[in-house]
Amino acid sequence: MRLLGIPVQFLSVFAISLLLTIYLGAWSAQGRIEERTHNAIVAQDAQLLKVNTVMMYSRTIFGDSVALNQPQPDIEKEWWENTTLFLCPLH
């Protein structure tokens, strides 16, 4: 069976592979962005604690770490991370 001159089996395998590649790419991009954000927050907190030895900031606990309530750092994203996150509706 053919659709527009291309076998249906080829089209279905191609579509599934493309969707899976986009999903896994977005998963990887999301993990990398979260890791960079976490590292930037930890570095920012370390700088604040180095300057102020007395804890005068409120703290928030998330996951296994404690972060000072400071504004989120602006993390630069790679072009492929933006693209895969835009293309994947599940992320």
Protein backbone atom coordinates (compact mmCIF):
# COMPACT_ATOMS: atom_id res chain seq x y z
CA MET A 1 0.00 0.00 0.00
CA ARG A 2 1.30 3.45 -0.92
CA LEU A 3 0.45 7.00 0.07
CA LEU A 4 1.64 9.69 -2.32
CA GLY A 5 3.98 7.14 -3.89
CA ILE A 6 5.69 6.29 -0.60
CA PRO A 7 5.05 3.01 1.23
CA VAL A 8 2.81 3.41 4.29
CA GLN A 9 5.13 1.28 6.42
CA PHE A 10 8.03 3.63 5.67
CA LEU A 11 5.92 6.69 6.50
CA SER A 12 4.73 5.22 9.80
CA VAL A 13 8.25 4.22 10.91
CA PHE A 14 9.56 7.65 9.87
CA ALA A 15 6.80 9.49 11.79
CA ILE A 16 7.26 7.40 14.95
CA SER A 17 11.05 7.85 14.81
CA LEU A 18 10.70 11.60 14.34
CA LEU A 19 8.26 11.95 17.26
CA LEU A 20 10.45 9.81 19.51
CA THR A 21 13.55 11.84 18.59
CA ILE A 22 11.76 15.10 19.39
CA TYR A 23 10.45 13.73 22.71
CA LEU A 24 13.84 12.41 23.84
CA GLY A 25 15.58 15.59 22.69
CA ALA A 26 13.15 17.74 24.70
CA TRP A 27 13.64 15.49 27.72
CA SER A 28 17.39 15.92 27.47
CA ALA A 29 17.07 19.69 26.94
CA GLN A 30 14.80 20.08 29.94
CA GLY A 31 17.20 18.14 32.14
CA ARG A 32 20.20 20.19 30.99
CA ILE A 33 18.37 23.48 31.59
CA GLU A 34 17.23 22.39 35.05
CA GLU A 35 20.78 21.32 35.94
CA ARG A 36 22.28 24.64 34.78
CA THR A 37 19.61 26.55 36.69
CA HIS A 38 20.28 24.52 39.84
CA ASN A 39 24.04 25.06 39.54
CA ALA A 40 23.56 28.80 39.03
CA ILE A 41 21.31 29.02 42.10
CA VAL A 42 23.80 27.10 44.24
CA ALA A 43 26.65 29.35 43.04
CA GLN A 44 24.55 32.45 43.73
CA ASP A 45 23.69 31.20 47.22
CA ALA A 46 27.34 30.41 47.93
CA GLN A 47 28.31 33.97 46.96
CA LEU A 48 25.63 35.41 49.25
CA LEU A 49 26.70 33.20 52.14
CA LYS A 50 30.36 34.10 51.61
CA VAL A 51 29.51 37.80 51.90
CA ASN A 52 27.02 37.42 54.77
CA THR A 53 28.25 34.91 57.30
CA VAL A 54 25.10 35.38 59.38
CA MET A 55 22.05 33.86 57.72
CA MET A 56 19.63 36.73 57.25
CA TYR A 57 17.73 35.39 54.23
CA SER A 58 14.68 33.18 54.30
CA ARG A 59 15.22 29.76 52.79
CA THR A 60 13.17 27.44 50.65
CA ILE A 61 13.66 23.68 50.60
CA PHE A 62 13.12 21.89 47.30
CA GLY A 63 14.27 18.39 46.61
CA ASP A 64 17.41 17.61 48.56
CA SER A 65 18.75 21.16 48.61
CA VAL A 66 18.08 24.42 50.37
CA ALA A 67 18.05 27.68 48.42
CA LEU A 68 17.89 31.25 49.54
CA ASN A 69 14.83 33.12 48.31
CA GLN A 70 16.57 35.09 45.59
CA PRO A 71 15.46 35.87 42.03
CA GLN A 72 15.97 33.08 39.53
CA PRO A 73 19.09 33.54 37.39
CA ASP A 74 18.60 34.01 33.66
CA ILE A 75 19.99 30.85 32.08
CA GLU A 76 21.01 30.93 28.44
CA LYS A 77 19.55 28.12 26.37
CA GLU A 78 21.09 26.45 23.34
CA TRP A 79 19.27 26.74 20.00
CA TRP A 80 18.51 23.02 19.89
CA GLU A 81 17.08 23.11 23.42
CA ASN A 82 14.68 25.90 22.47
CA THR A 83 13.71 24.07 19.28
CA THR A 84 13.00 20.68 20.85
CA LEU A 85 11.10 22.22 23.76
CA PHE A 86 9.01 24.23 21.29
CA LEU A 87 8.28 21.18 19.13
CA CYS A 88 7.38 18.81 21.97
CA PRO A 89 3.92 19.47 23.41
CA LEU A 90 4.62 17.16 26.36
CA HIS A 91 7.47 19.26 27.75
